Protein backbone atom coordinates (compact mmCIF):
# COMPACT_ATOMS: atom_id res chain seq x y z
CA MET A 1 46.11 5.45 -7.26
CA GLY A 2 42.92 4.13 -4.87
CA ASP A 3 39.77 4.35 -5.09
CA ILE A 4 37.48 6.63 -3.22
CA GLY A 5 33.90 5.22 -1.02
CA ILE A 6 30.87 5.89 -3.04
CA VAL A 7 27.90 7.73 -1.26
CA ALA A 8 24.15 7.04 -2.29
CA LYS A 9 20.81 7.54 -0.73
CA GLN A 10 18.81 4.68 0.40
CA PHE A 11 15.33 5.67 0.23
CA TYR A 12 12.72 4.34 2.54
CA VAL A 13 9.10 4.95 2.17
CA ARG A 14 6.55 4.70 4.90
CA VAL A 15 2.78 4.82 5.30
CA ASP A 16 0.89 5.33 8.29
CA LEU A 17 -1.54 2.37 7.84
CA GLU A 18 -4.13 3.94 10.10
CA ARG A 19 -4.05 7.30 8.24
CA CYS A 20 -4.48 5.16 4.96
CA LYS A 21 -7.83 5.44 3.13
CA GLY A 22 -7.05 2.64 0.04
CA CYS A 23 -7.17 5.44 -2.70
CA GLU A 24 -4.55 4.22 -4.80
CA LEU A 25 -3.02 7.14 -5.71
CA CYS A 26 0.24 6.52 -3.68
CA VAL A 27 0.23 3.32 -6.42
CA ASP A 28 -0.47 5.29 -9.29
CA ALA A 29 2.08 8.16 -8.47
CA CYS A 30 4.93 6.06 -8.40
CA PRO A 31 7.60 6.17 -11.80
CA ARG A 32 9.07 3.08 -10.73
CA ASP A 33 5.99 0.78 -9.61
CA LEU A 34 7.13 0.23 -6.41
CA LEU A 35 4.39 0.42 -4.30
CA ILE A 36 1.26 -1.91 -4.89
CA MET A 37 -1.85 -2.34 -2.74
CA SER A 38 -1.73 -5.44 -0.52
CA LYS A 39 -4.61 -7.68 0.49
CA ARG A 40 -4.13 -6.21 4.39
CA LEU A 41 -6.47 -3.91 5.80
CA ASN A 42 -6.00 -1.85 8.36
CA SER A 43 -8.57 -0.85 11.20
CA LYS A 44 -10.98 0.97 9.34
CA GLY A 45 -11.33 -1.63 6.93
CA TYR A 46 -9.62 0.25 3.92
CA ARG A 47 -6.52 -1.63 1.94
CA VAL A 48 -3.21 -0.53 2.18
CA PRO A 49 -0.30 0.10 0.19
CA ASP A 50 3.14 -2.26 0.18
CA ASN A 51 6.04 -1.06 -0.83
CA HIS A 52 7.98 -4.05 -1.93
CA SER A 53 11.55 -2.24 -3.51
CA ASP A 54 12.85 0.25 -1.44
CA GLU A 55 16.01 -0.12 -3.41
CA ARG A 56 14.72 0.76 -6.21
CA CYS A 57 12.82 3.90 -4.97
CA ILE A 58 14.73 7.28 -6.27
CA GLY A 59 13.35 9.45 -3.88
CA CYS A 60 10.87 11.63 -5.97
CA ARG A 61 8.36 11.75 -3.47
CA GLN A 62 5.72 11.70 -6.01
CA CYS A 63 3.88 9.14 -3.76
CA VAL A 64 4.27 11.55 -0.77
CA ASP A 65 2.91 14.59 -2.24
CA MET A 66 0.11 12.94 -4.05
CA CYS A 67 -1.20 11.25 -0.65
CA PRO A 68 -4.31 13.35 0.58
CA GLU A 69 -4.12 11.96 4.10
CA ALA A 70 -0.85 13.09 4.35
CA ALA A 71 0.07 9.12 5.25
CA ILE A 72 3.32 9.27 3.13
CA GLU A 73 6.94 9.71 4.28
CA MET A 74 10.31 9.44 3.29
CA ASP A 75 13.27 8.87 4.40
CA LYS A 76 16.84 8.50 3.41
CA GLU A 77 19.78 7.19 4.74
CA ASP A 78 23.38 7.78 3.15
CA VAL A 79 24.90 4.27 2.37
CA SER A 80 28.63 4.64 1.79
CA ALA A 81 31.01 2.44 0.08
CA PRO A 82 34.22 2.03 2.33
CA ASP A 83 37.50 3.74 1.00
CA ARG A 84 40.09 1.46 -0.38
CA GLY A 85 42.55 3.91 -0.28
CA ASP A 86 43.20 7.60 0.62
CA MET A 87 43.82 10.20 -1.75
CA SER A 88 44.49 13.12 0.91
CA ALA A 89 47.10 15.60 -0.83
CA GLU A 90 49.37 14.24 1.57
CA ASN A 91 49.45 10.74 0.27
CA ALA A 92 49.26 11.01 -3.37
CA GLY A 93 52.97 11.90 -3.97
């Protein structure tokens, strides 16, 4: 009997650096502590957050919902493991 591929979601947090005002609400909202404030400044002089671990993001969107400037978006991508066998009915017997 073969194994089937596993599909997982990989989430990516994107911050529009020019819209960010450095309030740190997204940093506080993240239950996995994935966002940290960087030392970088945007063109308005505000410190901006960095996402230091996309692979640990669970896609809860708390950072997106908390941002008063709507400067955060979340994308997701299916990450599929390759099939290691065909589980179709015609090959099961």
